[in-house]
């Protein structure tokens, strides 16, 4: 298995973590300086402060 390379881009950013050994994916963390309010029905980009390089045979998906 090839390693997944992760670079922290901001102070206070967190490396994604797995919630359990059976987890299908890792949890991302918001890297924000102020509170963000999301109105019902709206979508908002939330910065994570990380850059992730996936090997060619991998896929990255983000779900709520």
C-alpha atoms as a PDB file:
ATOM      1  CA  UNK A   1       0.000   0.000   0.000  1.00  0.00           C
ATOM      2  CA  UNK A   2       1.355   3.394  -0.971  1.00  0.00           C
ATOM      3  CA  UNK A   3       1.402   6.125   1.669  1.00  0.00           C
ATOM      4  CA  UNK A   4      -1.083   8.993   1.560  1.00  0.00           C
ATOM      5  CA  UNK A   5       0.875  12.225   1.835  1.00  0.00           C
ATOM      6  CA  UNK A   6      -0.653  15.027   3.926  1.00  0.00           C
ATOM      7  CA  UNK A   7       0.652  18.575   4.283  1.00  0.00           C
ATOM      8  CA  UNK A   8      -0.644  20.989   6.925  1.00  0.00           C
ATOM      9  CA  UNK A   9      -1.173  24.399   5.317  1.00  0.00           C
ATOM     10  CA  UNK A  10      -2.247  26.454   8.338  1.00  0.00           C
ATOM     11  CA  UNK A  11      -1.366  26.751  12.001  1.00  0.00           C
ATOM     12  CA  UNK A  12      -3.918  24.790  13.998  1.00  0.00           C
ATOM     13  CA  UNK A  13      -4.817  22.456  11.112  1.00  0.00           C
ATOM     14  CA  UNK A  14      -5.324  18.788  12.025  1.00  0.00           C
ATOM     15  CA  UNK A  15      -4.355  15.627  10.179  1.00  0.00           C
ATOM     16  CA  UNK A  16      -7.496  13.609   9.317  1.00  0.00           C
ATOM     17  CA  UNK A  17      -8.134  10.728  11.744  1.00  0.00           C
ATOM     18  CA  UNK A  18     -10.059   7.466  11.722  1.00  0.00           C
ATOM     19  CA  UNK A  19     -12.783   7.205  14.378  1.00  0.00           C
ATOM     20  CA  UNK A  20     -12.309   3.442  14.740  1.00  0.00           C
ATOM     21  CA  UNK A  21     -10.332   0.560  13.261  1.00  0.00           C
ATOM     22  CA  UNK A  22     -13.401  -0.379  11.179  1.00  0.00           C
ATOM     23  CA  UNK A  23     -13.929   3.149   9.769  1.00  0.00           C
ATOM     24  CA  UNK A  24     -14.272   3.312   5.985  1.00  0.00           C
ATOM     25  CA  UNK A  25     -12.793   6.815   5.839  1.00  0.00           C
ATOM     26  CA  UNK A  26     -11.048   9.478   7.856  1.00  0.00           C
ATOM     27  CA  UNK A  27     -12.652  12.479   9.552  1.00  0.00           C
ATOM     28  CA  UNK A  28     -11.713  15.971   8.348  1.00  0.00           C
ATOM     29  CA  UNK A  29     -11.545  18.980  10.675  1.00  0.00           C
ATOM     30  CA  UNK A  30     -12.451  22.593   9.956  1.00  0.00           C
ATOM     31  CA  UNK A  31      -9.577  25.053  10.114  1.00  0.00           C
ATOM     32  CA  UNK A  32     -11.344  28.346  10.712  1.00  0.00           C
ATOM     33  CA  UNK A  33     -10.668  31.485  12.739  1.00  0.00           C
ATOM     34  CA  UNK A  34     -14.264  32.586  13.240  1.00  0.00           C
ATOM     35  CA  UNK A  35     -17.692  31.055  13.618  1.00  0.00           C
ATOM     36  CA  UNK A  36     -19.520  30.209  10.379  1.00  0.00           C
ATOM     37  CA  UNK A  37     -23.319  30.143  10.304  1.00  0.00           C
ATOM     38  CA  UNK A  38     -24.890  27.993   7.585  1.00  0.00           C
ATOM     39  CA  UNK A  39     -28.510  28.822   6.794  1.00  0.00           C
ATOM     40  CA  UNK A  40     -30.932  25.970   6.022  1.00  0.00           C
ATOM     41  CA  UNK A  41     -30.567  24.860   2.410  1.00  0.00           C
ATOM     42  CA  UNK A  42     -27.233  26.662   1.931  1.00  0.00           C
ATOM     43  CA  UNK A  43     -23.865  25.140   1.098  1.00  0.00           C
ATOM     44  CA  UNK A  44     -20.630  26.660   2.369  1.00  0.00           C
ATOM     45  CA  UNK A  45     -16.984  25.877   1.647  1.00  0.00           C
ATOM     46  CA  UNK A  46     -15.181  25.127   4.917  1.00  0.00           C
ATOM     47  CA  UNK A  47     -11.357  25.148   4.790  1.00  0.00           C
ATOM     48  CA  UNK A  48      -9.551  22.161   6.292  1.00  0.00           C
ATOM     49  CA  UNK A  49      -6.033  23.593   6.188  1.00  0.00           C
ATOM     50  CA  UNK A  50      -4.628  20.373   4.698  1.00  0.00           C
ATOM     51  CA  UNK A  51      -3.451  19.245   1.276  1.00  0.00           C
ATOM     52  CA  UNK A  52      -3.739  15.528   0.555  1.00  0.00           C
ATOM     53  CA  UNK A  53      -1.884  13.666  -2.205  1.00  0.00           C
ATOM     54  CA  UNK A  54      -3.586  10.378  -3.015  1.00  0.00           C
ATOM     55  CA  UNK A  55      -1.859   7.569  -4.929  1.00  0.00           C
ATOM     56  CA  UNK A  56      -3.226   7.062  -8.452  1.00  0.00           C
ATOM     57  CA  UNK A  57      -5.469   4.092  -7.575  1.00  0.00           C
ATOM     58  CA  UNK A  58      -7.183   5.901  -4.660  1.00  0.00           C
ATOM     59  CA  UNK A  59     -10.220   8.192  -4.647  1.00  0.00           C
ATOM     60  CA  UNK A  60     -11.096  11.008  -2.248  1.00  0.00           C
ATOM     61  CA  UNK A  61     -14.755  11.653  -1.381  1.00  0.00           C
ATOM     62  CA  UNK A  62     -16.147  14.153   1.108  1.00  0.00           C
ATOM     63  CA  UNK A  63     -19.522  13.526   2.751  1.00  0.00           C
ATOM     64  CA  UNK A  64     -21.362  15.253   5.571  1.00  0.00           C
END
